[in-house]
C-alpha atoms as a PDB file:
ATOM      1  CA  MET A   1       0.916-135.233 120.629  1.00  0.00           C
ATOM      2  CA  ILE A   2       3.944-135.921 118.404  1.00  0.00           C
ATOM      3  CA  PHE A   3       4.374-132.168 117.760  1.00  0.00           C
ATOM      4  CA  ASN A   4       4.257-131.400 121.489  1.00  0.00           C
ATOM      5  CA  ARG A   5       6.913-134.037 122.193  1.00  0.00           C
ATOM      6  CA  PHE A   6       9.096-132.503 119.474  1.00  0.00           C
ATOM      7  CA  ILE A   7       8.814-129.045 121.066  1.00  0.00           C
ATOM      8  CA  VAL A   8       9.689-130.433 124.504  1.00  0.00           C
ATOM      9  CA  ALA A   9      12.714-132.270 123.118  1.00  0.00           C
ATOM     10  CA  LEU A  10      13.878-129.159 121.279  1.00  0.00           C
ATOM     11  CA  CYS A  11      13.567-126.996 124.380  1.00  0.00           C
ATOM     12  CA  LEU A  12      15.563-129.504 126.407  1.00  0.00           C
ATOM     13  CA  ALA A  13      18.334-129.347 123.791  1.00  0.00           C
ATOM     14  CA  LEU A  14      18.641-125.557 124.015  1.00  0.00           C
ATOM     15  CA  PRO A  15      21.364-123.946 126.165  1.00  0.00           C
ATOM     16  CA  ALA A  16      20.291-122.870 129.645  1.00  0.00           C
ATOM     17  CA  GLY A  17      18.340-119.609 129.496  1.00  0.00           C
ATOM     18  CA  ALA A  18      17.805-119.769 125.729  1.00  0.00           C
ATOM     19  CA  SER A  19      14.444-119.756 123.992  1.00  0.00           C
ATOM     20  CA  LEU A  20      13.198-120.884 120.609  1.00  0.00           C
ATOM     21  CA  ALA A  21      13.482-117.273 119.382  1.00  0.00           C
ATOM     22  CA  ASP A  22      17.155-116.930 120.372  1.00  0.00           C
ATOM     23  CA  ILE A  23      20.001-116.870 117.867  1.00  0.00           C
ATOM     24  CA  SER A  24      22.649-119.468 118.604  1.00  0.00           C
ATOM     25  CA  VAL A  25      25.923-120.495 116.906  1.00  0.00           C
ATOM     26  CA  VAL A  26      29.100-122.292 117.963  1.00  0.00           C
ATOM     27  CA  ASP A  27      32.282-120.230 117.696  1.00  0.00           C
ATOM     28  CA  ASP A  28      35.812-121.347 116.785  1.00  0.00           C
ATOM     29  CA  ALA A  29      36.598-122.121 120.421  1.00  0.00           C
ATOM     30  CA  GLY A  30      33.751-124.626 120.468  1.00  0.00           C
ATOM     31  CA  VAL A  31      31.629-122.383 122.704  1.00  0.00           C
ATOM     32  CA  ARG A  32      27.964-121.750 121.948  1.00  0.00           C
ATOM     33  CA  VAL A  33      27.148-118.054 121.608  1.00  0.00           C
ATOM     34  CA  THR A  34      23.494-117.116 122.109  1.00  0.00           C
ATOM     35  CA  LEU A  35      21.816-113.776 121.408  1.00  0.00           C
ATOM     36  CA  ALA A  36      18.236-112.763 122.115  1.00  0.00           C
ATOM     37  CA  ALA A  37      18.160-110.730 118.868  1.00  0.00           C
ATOM     38  CA  PRO A  38      20.524-109.935 115.965  1.00  0.00           C
ATOM     39  CA  ALA A  39      23.549-107.937 117.102  1.00  0.00           C
ATOM     40  CA  GLN A  40      23.294-104.215 116.356  1.00  0.00           C
ATOM     41  CA  ARG A  41      26.490-102.912 117.988  1.00  0.00           C
ATOM     42  CA  VAL A  42      29.574-105.038 117.393  1.00  0.00           C
ATOM     43  CA  ILE A  43      33.213-104.531 118.330  1.00  0.00           C
ATOM     44  CA  SER A  44      35.841-106.268 116.196  1.00  0.00           C
ATOM     45  CA  MET A  45      39.068-107.243 117.939  1.00  0.00           C
ATOM     46  CA  ALA A  46      41.117-108.120 114.830  1.00  0.00           C
ATOM     47  CA  PRO A  47      41.540-106.862 111.232  1.00  0.00           C
ATOM     48  CA  HIS A  48      40.386-110.163 109.710  1.00  0.00           C
ATOM     49  CA  ILE A  49      37.239-110.027 111.840  1.00  0.00           C
ATOM     50  CA  THR A  50      36.465-106.557 110.505  1.00  0.00           C
ATOM     51  CA  GLU A  51      36.774-107.867 106.941  1.00  0.00           C
ATOM     52  CA  LEU A  52      34.534-110.839 107.714  1.00  0.00           C
ATOM     53  CA  LEU A  53      31.874-108.595 109.247  1.00  0.00           C
ATOM     54  CA  PHE A  54      31.784-106.295 106.234  1.00  0.00           C
ATOM     55  CA  ALA A  55      31.572-109.237 103.836  1.00  0.00           C
ATOM     56  CA  ALA A  56      28.777-110.774 105.921  1.00  0.00           C
ATOM     57  CA  GLY A  57      26.717-107.590 105.584  1.00  0.00           C
ATOM     58  CA  GLY A  58      27.436-106.162 109.011  1.00  0.00           C
ATOM     59  CA  GLY A  59      29.880-103.346 108.324  1.00  0.00           C
ATOM     60  CA  GLU A  60      27.475-100.678 109.547  1.00  0.00           C
ATOM     61  CA  ARG A  61      27.029-102.573 112.832  1.00  0.00           C
ATOM     62  CA  ILE A  62      30.727-102.232 113.801  1.00  0.00           C
ATOM     63  CA  VAL A  63      30.992 -99.518 116.458  1.00  0.00           C
ATOM     64  CA  GLY A  64      34.611-100.210 117.420  1.00  0.00           C
ATOM     65  CA  ALA A  65      37.633-101.979 116.020  1.00  0.00           C
ATOM     66  CA  ILE A  66      41.281-102.656 116.720  1.00  0.00           C
ATOM     67  CA  ASN A  67      44.299-101.111 114.976  1.00  0.00           C
ATOM     68  CA  PHE A  68      45.135-102.152 111.387  1.00  0.00           C
ATOM     69  CA  SER A  69      41.448-102.688 110.608  1.00  0.00           C
ATOM     70  CA  ASP A  70      41.971-100.971 107.264  1.00  0.00           C
ATOM     71  CA  TYR A  71      39.915-102.997 104.774  1.00  0.00           C
ATOM     72  CA  PRO A  72      37.553-102.225 103.188  1.00  0.00           C
ATOM     73  CA  GLU A  73      38.046 -98.459 102.947  1.00  0.00           C
ATOM     74  CA  ALA A  74      35.031 -97.803 105.177  1.00  0.00           C
ATOM     75  CA  ALA A  75      36.764 -99.706 107.999  1.00  0.00           C
ATOM     76  CA  LYS A  76      39.266 -96.862 108.407  1.00  0.00           C
ATOM     77  CA  LYS A  77      36.481 -94.651 109.768  1.00  0.00           C
ATOM     78  CA  ILE A  78      35.565 -97.000 112.623  1.00  0.00           C
ATOM     79  CA  PRO A  79      36.613 -95.735 116.094  1.00  0.00           C
ATOM     80  CA  LEU A  80      39.504 -97.694 117.565  1.00  0.00           C
ATOM     81  CA  VAL A  81      39.354 -99.392 120.963  1.00  0.00           C
ATOM     82  CA  GLY A  82      43.063-100.253 121.118  1.00  0.00           C
ATOM     83  CA  SER A  83      45.641-102.578 119.643  1.00  0.00           C
ATOM     84  CA  ASN A  84      46.548-106.242 119.897  1.00  0.00           C
ATOM     85  CA  ALA A  85      48.859-105.198 122.738  1.00  0.00           C
ATOM     86  CA  GLN A  86      46.381-103.128 124.744  1.00  0.00           C
ATOM     87  CA  ILE A  87      42.619-102.637 124.697  1.00  0.00           C
ATOM     88  CA  ASP A  88      40.884 -99.612 126.228  1.00  0.00           C
ATOM     89  CA  MET A  89      38.260-101.384 128.340  1.00  0.00           C
ATOM     90  CA  GLU A  90      36.562 -98.122 129.317  1.00  0.00           C
ATOM     91  CA  ARG A  91      36.157 -97.286 125.647  1.00  0.00           C
ATOM     92  CA  VAL A  92      34.725-100.741 124.976  1.00  0.00           C
ATOM     93  CA  ILE A  93      32.126-100.306 127.728  1.00  0.00           C
ATOM     94  CA  ALA A  94      31.264 -96.769 126.598  1.00  0.00           C
ATOM     95  CA  LEU A  95      30.407 -98.022 123.081  1.00  0.00           C
ATOM     96  CA  LYS A  96      27.720-100.297 124.581  1.00  0.00           C
ATOM     97  CA  PRO A  97      28.286-103.295 122.310  1.00  0.00           C
ATOM     98  CA  ASP A  98      25.899-106.232 122.275  1.00  0.00           C
ATOM     99  CA  LEU A  99      28.527-108.545 120.745  1.00  0.00           C
ATOM    100  CA  LEU A 100      32.313-108.785 120.999  1.00  0.00           C
ATOM    101  CA  ILE A 101      34.219-110.747 118.376  1.00  0.00           C
ATOM    102  CA  VAL A 102      37.743-111.623 119.467  1.00  0.00           C
ATOM    103  CA  TRP A 103      40.757-113.273 117.887  1.00  0.00           C
ATOM    104  CA  GLN A 104      41.677-116.187 120.095  1.00  0.00           C
ATOM    105  CA  SER A 105      45.418-116.265 119.294  1.00  0.00           C
ATOM    106  CA  GLY A 106      45.778-112.563 118.460  1.00  0.00           C
ATOM    107  CA  ASN A 107      44.339-111.059 121.635  1.00  0.00           C
ATOM    108  CA  THR A 108      46.249-111.778 124.829  1.00  0.00           C
ATOM    109  CA  GLY A 109      44.918-114.137 127.470  1.00  0.00           C
ATOM    110  CA  ARG A 110      44.571-111.225 129.890  1.00  0.00           C
ATOM    111  CA  GLN A 111      42.537-109.240 127.350  1.00  0.00           C
ATOM    112  CA  LEU A 112      40.233-112.173 126.688  1.00  0.00           C
ATOM    113  CA  GLU A 113      39.736-112.661 130.415  1.00  0.00           C
ATOM    114  CA  GLN A 114      38.863-108.978 130.922  1.00  0.00           C
ATOM    115  CA  LEU A 115      36.450-108.956 128.004  1.00  0.00           C
ATOM    116  CA  GLY A 116      34.787-112.123 129.275  1.00  0.00           C
ATOM    117  CA  LYS A 117      34.004-110.417 132.579  1.00  0.00           C
ATOM    118  CA  LEU A 118      32.011-107.603 130.947  1.00  0.00           C
ATOM    119  CA  GLY A 119      28.901-109.736 130.623  1.00  0.00           C
ATOM    120  CA  ILE A 120      28.728-109.153 126.859  1.00  0.00           C
ATOM    121  CA  PRO A 121      28.410-112.140 124.486  1.00  0.00           C
ATOM    122  CA  VAL A 122      31.813-113.056 123.015  1.00  0.00           C
ATOM    123  CA  PHE A 123      32.427-114.883 119.732  1.00  0.00           C
ATOM    124  CA  HIS A 124      35.923-116.343 119.218  1.00  0.00           C
ATOM    125  CA  SER A 125      37.191-116.175 115.618  1.00  0.00           C
ATOM    126  CA  GLU A 126      40.101-118.412 114.606  1.00  0.00           C
ATOM    127  CA  PRO A 127      39.834-119.762 111.022  1.00  0.00           C
ATOM    128  CA  THR A 128      42.771-122.131 110.515  1.00  0.00           C
ATOM    129  CA  ARG A 129      41.539-123.718 107.287  1.00  0.00           C
ATOM    130  CA  ILE A 130      40.296-122.081 104.129  1.00  0.00           C
ATOM    131  CA  ASP A 131      36.817-123.640 104.332  1.00  0.00           C
ATOM    132  CA  GLN A 132      36.388-122.121 107.795  1.00  0.00           C
ATOM    133  CA  VAL A 133      36.361-118.633 106.248  1.00  0.00           C
ATOM    134  CA  ALA A 134      33.079-119.432 104.515  1.00  0.00           C
ATOM    135  CA  ASP A 135      31.753-121.023 107.714  1.00  0.00           C
ATOM    136  CA  SER A 136      32.680-117.853 109.609  1.00  0.00           C
ATOM    137  CA  LEU A 137      30.720-115.723 107.146  1.00  0.00           C
ATOM    138  CA  THR A 138      27.557-117.784 107.578  1.00  0.00           C
ATOM    139  CA  ARG A 139      27.791-117.874 111.380  1.00  0.00           C
ATOM    140  CA  LEU A 140      28.412-114.131 111.613  1.00  0.00           C
ATOM    141  CA  GLY A 141      25.521-113.552 109.241  1.00  0.00           C
ATOM    142  CA  ARG A 142      23.362-115.547 111.615  1.00  0.00           C
ATOM    143  CA  LEU A 143      24.436-113.435 114.606  1.00  0.00           C
ATOM    144  CA  LEU A 144      23.872-110.203 112.696  1.00  0.00           C
ATOM    145  CA  GLY A 145      20.617-111.192 111.044  1.00  0.00           C
ATOM    146  CA  THR A 146      22.215-110.723 107.603  1.00  0.00           C
ATOM    147  CA  GLU A 147      22.033-114.357 106.533  1.00  0.00           C
ATOM    148  CA  LYS A 148      21.215-113.672 102.876  1.00  0.00           C
ATOM    149  CA  VAL A 149      24.200-111.384 102.301  1.00  0.00           C
ATOM    150  CA  ALA A 150      26.498-113.721 104.210  1.00  0.00           C
ATOM    151  CA  ALA A 151      25.277-116.755 102.279  1.00  0.00           C
ATOM    152  CA  VAL A 152      26.049-115.085  98.945  1.00  0.00           C
ATOM    153  CA  ALA A 153      29.535-114.082 100.131  1.00  0.00           C
ATOM    154  CA  ALA A 154      30.227-117.578 101.475  1.00  0.00           C
ATOM    155  CA  ALA A 155      29.065-119.248  98.249  1.00  0.00           C
ATOM    156  CA  ARG A 156      31.197-116.939  96.133  1.00  0.00           C
ATOM    157  CA  PHE A 157      34.238-117.608  98.311  1.00  0.00           C
ATOM    158  CA  ARG A 158      33.730-121.386  98.169  1.00  0.00           C
ATOM    159  CA  ALA A 159      33.365-121.308  94.385  1.00  0.00           C
ATOM    160  CA  GLU A 160      36.572-119.284  93.913  1.00  0.00           C
ATOM    161  CA  VAL A 161      38.583-121.563  96.177  1.00  0.00           C
ATOM    162  CA  ALA A 162      37.121-124.745  94.678  1.00  0.00           C
ATOM    163  CA  ALA A 163      38.105-123.590  91.188  1.00  0.00           C
ATOM    164  CA  LEU A 164      41.685-122.994  92.311  1.00  0.00           C
ATOM    165  CA  GLY A 165      41.859-126.371  94.025  1.00  0.00           C
ATOM    166  CA  ALA A 166      40.529-128.142  90.942  1.00  0.00           C
ATOM    167  CA  ARG A 167      43.076-126.383  88.732  1.00  0.00           C
ATOM    168  CA  TYR A 168      46.222-126.708  90.846  1.00  0.00           C
ATOM    169  CA  GLY A 169      45.625-129.182  93.670  1.00  0.00           C
ATOM    170  CA  LYS A 170      46.589-132.372  91.818  1.00  0.00           C
ATOM    171  CA  ARG A 171      49.678-131.035  90.051  1.00  0.00           C
ATOM    172  CA  ALA A 172      53.184-132.199  90.950  1.00  0.00           C
ATOM    173  CA  PRO A 173      53.983-131.218  94.554  1.00  0.00           C
ATOM    174  CA  VAL A 174      56.343-128.319  95.295  1.00  0.00           C
ATOM    175  CA  ARG A 175      58.136-128.054  98.636  1.00  0.00           C
ATOM    176  CA  VAL A 176      57.561-124.544 100.010  1.00  0.00           C
ATOM    177  CA  PHE A 177      59.039-122.412 102.779  1.00  0.00           C
ATOM    178  CA  TYR A 178      56.847-119.496 103.860  1.00  0.00           C
ATOM    179  CA  GLN A 179      58.717-116.743 105.724  1.00  0.00           C
ATOM    180  CA  ILE A 180      56.935-114.116 107.807  1.00  0.00           C
ATOM    181  CA  TRP A 181      60.005-112.472 109.374  1.00  0.00           C
ATOM    182  CA  ASP A 182      63.745-112.504 108.853  1.00  0.00           C
ATOM    183  CA  LYS A 183      65.286-111.289 112.158  1.00  0.00           C
ATOM    184  CA  PRO A 184      65.078-113.993 113.408  1.00  0.00           C
ATOM    185  CA  VAL A 185      63.542-116.209 110.764  1.00  0.00           C
ATOM    186  CA  TYR A 186      59.902-117.014 111.479  1.00  0.00           C
ATOM    187  CA  THR A 187      57.570-119.256 109.510  1.00  0.00           C
ATOM    188  CA  LEU A 188      54.061-120.732 109.804  1.00  0.00           C
ATOM    189  CA  SER A 189      53.238-124.325 110.679  1.00  0.00           C
ATOM    190  CA  GLY A 190      50.447-126.586 109.498  1.00  0.00           C
ATOM    191  CA  LYS A 191      48.168-125.032 112.116  1.00  0.00           C
ATOM    192  CA  HIS A 192      47.912-121.760 110.147  1.00  0.00           C
ATOM    193  CA  ILE A 193      45.597-121.055 107.220  1.00  0.00           C
ATOM    194  CA  VAL A 194      48.609-120.231 105.013  1.00  0.00           C
ATOM    195  CA  SER A 195      49.678-123.869 105.200  1.00  0.00           C
ATOM    196  CA  ASP A 196      46.212-124.930 104.039  1.00  0.00           C
ATOM    197  CA  ALA A 197      46.540-122.513 101.120  1.00  0.00           C
ATOM    198  CA  ILE A 198      49.894-124.043 100.167  1.00  0.00           C
ATOM    199  CA  ARG A 199      48.310-127.500 100.241  1.00  0.00           C
ATOM    200  CA  LEU A 200      45.388-126.389  98.077  1.00  0.00           C
ATOM    201  CA  CYS A 201      47.879-125.153  95.440  1.00  0.00           C
ATOM    202  CA  GLY A 202      49.626-128.514  95.378  1.00  0.00           C
ATOM    203  CA  GLY A 203      52.475-127.356  97.574  1.00  0.00           C
ATOM    204  CA  GLU A 204      54.011-128.851 100.711  1.00  0.00           C
ATOM    205  CA  ASN A 205      54.867-126.654 103.682  1.00  0.00           C
ATOM    206  CA  VAL A 206      58.314-127.895 104.754  1.00  0.00           C
ATOM    207  CA  PHE A 207      57.612-126.917 108.372  1.00  0.00           C
ATOM    208  CA  ALA A 208      53.972-128.029 108.542  1.00  0.00           C
ATOM    209  CA  GLY A 209      54.769-130.535 111.268  1.00  0.00           C
ATOM    210  CA  LEU A 210      55.970-128.033 113.875  1.00  0.00           C
ATOM    211  CA  LYS A 211      53.683-127.685 116.889  1.00  0.00           C
ATOM    212  CA  VAL A 212      53.883-123.878 117.283  1.00  0.00           C
ATOM    213  CA  VAL A 213      51.684-121.845 114.928  1.00  0.00           C
ATOM    214  CA  ALA A 214      54.410-119.282 114.143  1.00  0.00           C
ATOM    215  CA  PRO A 215      57.736-120.912 115.054  1.00  0.00           C
ATOM    216  CA  SER A 216      61.230-119.485 114.786  1.00  0.00           C
ATOM    217  CA  VAL A 217      63.526-121.639 112.647  1.00  0.00           C
ATOM    218  CA  SER A 218      67.259-121.490 112.049  1.00  0.00           C
ATOM    219  CA  VAL A 219      68.904-120.742 108.732  1.00  0.00           C
ATOM    220  CA  GLU A 220      70.486-124.178 108.947  1.00  0.00           C
ATOM    221  CA  ALA A 221      67.074-125.828 109.301  1.00  0.00           C
ATOM    222  CA  VAL A 222      65.808-124.096 106.156  1.00  0.00           C
ATOM    223  CA  LEU A 223      68.939-125.056 104.233  1.00  0.00           C
ATOM    224  CA  GLN A 224      68.514-128.649 105.334  1.00  0.00           C
ATOM    225  CA  GLU A 225      64.909-128.707 104.071  1.00  0.00           C
ATOM    226  CA  ASN A 226      66.133-127.226 100.752  1.00  0.00           C
ATOM    227  CA  PRO A 227      62.738-125.859  99.629  1.00  0.00           C
ATOM    228  CA  GLU A 228      61.994-125.503  95.940  1.00  0.00           C
ATOM    229  CA  ALA A 229      60.179-122.190  96.478  1.00  0.00           C
ATOM    230  CA  ILE A 230      60.369-119.524  99.181  1.00  0.00           C
ATOM    231  CA  PHE A 231      57.596-117.013  99.846  1.00  0.00           C
ATOM    232  CA  GLY A 232      57.626-113.794 101.817  1.00  0.00           C
ATOM    233  CA  SER A 233      55.580-110.620 102.129  1.00  0.00           C
ATOM    234  CA  GLU A 234      55.981-107.653  99.850  1.00  0.00           C
ATOM    235  CA  GLN A 235      58.946-105.434 100.736  1.00  0.00           C
ATOM    236  CA  TYR A 236      57.689-102.118 102.120  1.00  0.00           C
ATOM    237  CA  ASP A 237      60.976-100.976 103.686  1.00  0.00           C
ATOM    238  CA  PRO A 238      63.996-101.007 101.331  1.00  0.00           C
ATOM    239  CA  GLY A 239      66.193-101.515 104.384  1.00  0.00           C
ATOM    240  CA  GLU A 240      64.619-104.891 105.164  1.00  0.00           C
ATOM    241  CA  ALA A 241      66.204-107.923 103.555  1.00  0.00           C
ATOM    242  CA  GLY A 242      63.125-110.123 103.782  1.00  0.00           C
ATOM    243  CA  ILE A 243      63.461-113.217 101.621  1.00  0.00           C
ATOM    244  CA  GLY A 244      66.589-111.619 100.138  1.00  0.00           C
ATOM    245  CA  ILE A 245      68.568-113.174 102.996  1.00  0.00           C
ATOM    246  CA  TRP A 246      68.551-116.435 101.011  1.00  0.00           C
ATOM    247  CA  LYS A 247      70.247-115.081  97.868  1.00  0.00           C
ATOM    248  CA  PRO A 248      73.796-115.947  99.052  1.00  0.00           C
ATOM    249  CA  TYR A 249      72.801-119.631  99.365  1.00  0.00           C
ATOM    250  CA  ARG A 250      73.015-120.358  95.650  1.00  0.00           C
ATOM    251  CA  SER A 251      72.947-124.138  96.038  1.00  0.00           C
ATOM    252  CA  MET A 252      69.454-124.027  97.541  1.00  0.00           C
ATOM    253  CA  LEU A 253      66.868-125.071  94.957  1.00  0.00           C
ATOM    254  CA  ALA A 254      64.697-122.000  95.492  1.00  0.00           C
ATOM    255  CA  VAL A 255      67.654-119.677  94.873  1.00  0.00           C
ATOM    256  CA  GLU A 256      69.180-121.707  92.056  1.00  0.00           C
ATOM    257  CA  ARG A 257      65.893-121.650  90.103  1.00  0.00           C
ATOM    258  CA  GLY A 258      64.924-118.064  90.921  1.00  0.00           C
ATOM    259  CA  ASN A 259      61.959-119.082  93.045  1.00  0.00           C
ATOM    260  CA  LEU A 260      62.085-116.350  95.697  1.00  0.00           C
ATOM    261  CA  PHE A 261      58.562-114.958  95.548  1.00  0.00           C
ATOM    262  CA  ARG A 262      56.920-112.000  97.242  1.00  0.00           C
ATOM    263  CA  ILE A 263      53.196-111.972  97.843  1.00  0.00           C
ATOM    264  CA  GLU A 264      50.849-109.489  99.501  1.00  0.00           C
ATOM    265  CA  GLY A 265      50.979-110.979 102.977  1.00  0.00           C
ATOM    266  CA  GLU A 266      47.635-109.697 104.255  1.00  0.00           C
ATOM    267  CA  LEU A 267      45.791-111.618 101.551  1.00  0.00           C
ATOM    268  CA  LEU A 268      46.909-114.892 103.122  1.00  0.00           C
ATOM    269  CA  THR A 269      47.732-114.198 106.758  1.00  0.00           C
ATOM    270  CA  ARG A 270      44.406-112.474 107.441  1.00  0.00           C
ATOM    271  CA  PRO A 271      41.863-115.310 107.405  1.00  0.00           C
ATOM    272  CA  GLY A 272      39.117-113.346 105.691  1.00  0.00           C
ATOM    273  CA  PRO A 273      37.371-113.289 102.294  1.00  0.00           C
ATOM    274  CA  ARG A 274      40.448-111.916 100.491  1.00  0.00           C
ATOM    275  CA  VAL A 275      42.233-115.207 101.170  1.00  0.00           C
ATOM    276  CA  ALA A 276      40.824-116.371  97.826  1.00  0.00           C
ATOM    277  CA  GLN A 277      42.860-113.645  96.093  1.00  0.00           C
ATOM    278  CA  GLY A 278      45.953-114.611  98.063  1.00  0.00           C
ATOM    279  CA  VAL A 279      45.528-118.279  97.160  1.00  0.00           C
ATOM    280  CA  ALA A 280      45.269-117.332  93.474  1.00  0.00           C
ATOM    281  CA  GLN A 281      48.600-115.462  93.659  1.00  0.00           C
ATOM    282  CA  LEU A 282      50.195-118.283  95.615  1.00  0.00           C
ATOM    283  CA  CYS A 283      49.038-120.969  93.178  1.00  0.00           C
ATOM    284  CA  GLU A 284      50.324-119.038  90.171  1.00  0.00           C
ATOM    285  CA  LYS A 285      53.790-118.682  91.689  1.00  0.00           C
ATOM    286  CA  ILE A 286      53.956-122.295  92.874  1.00  0.00           C
ATOM    287  CA  ASP A 287      53.039-123.324  89.346  1.00  0.00           C
ATOM    288  CA  LEU A 288      55.811-121.070  88.021  1.00  0.00           C
ATOM    289  CA  ALA A 289      58.231-123.001  90.232  1.00  0.00           C
ATOM    290  CA  ARG A 290      57.019-126.220  88.563  1.00  0.00           C
ATOM    291  CA  GLN A 291      57.694-124.759  85.142  1.00  0.00           C
ATOM    292  CA  ARG A 292      61.263-123.876  86.095  1.00  0.00           C
ATOM    293  CA  ARG A 293      62.223-127.458  86.798  1.00  0.00           C
ATOM    294  CA  LYS A 294      65.028-128.709  84.593  1.00  0.00           C
END
């Protein structure tokens, strides 16, 4: 009798139309995604999603991806269905996916609306904190039926990040400005995973309090904050000034102490498993800024 009551209660708790055999997870938009069986044909709508899928053991299930899905090497062979600016809906339909994984802030509202009308399950991916990367791996592993591989990847990621936090997190704070573009100057607020990485390294994002995820800030605002360290992406085009725009401002602490650092941007701005590598680079350079204090 008790067992029967348990089964009834469990069934009542399931989403409408779901059964005990269904696979069900909650995505980063807070929406429950339910599949009748593990996904076999997946389309990735962002580079970080492609990386997460490979790490979770589902690389061979990806039948379509978006531009710049270039890691790991095998991802370069996946057929493209468009870019963050435009998605080929006919191509998406032709690939017959049983799961779409979208980037909530990277895909446009119109794209998300169109994809939602296809009648294909949609999982929204938007890790904004480092621990959510591991959570994403386990949830995707659940949807793909690759739980064991995903669990190993998630545990390894958590261990790497925990070790970095234990080593650097309680050291003297360093005020940091993270630049993602120089014309005009753009940064990242506390709503982005980069800000969480800065915090884990014992740093303080000087613009963490801004409401926009990727706000434009004036040169004057940066000078007023007077950060002790400035970070920017690696310089691929010699014609781009990047963080070099700050060199003339010699009274700024970051310039005065030689704390203008370049870091491989994709390791931090793509919220995937390689974030652990990006955090390691970030922590080392923030610690270097500490050592340069007079």
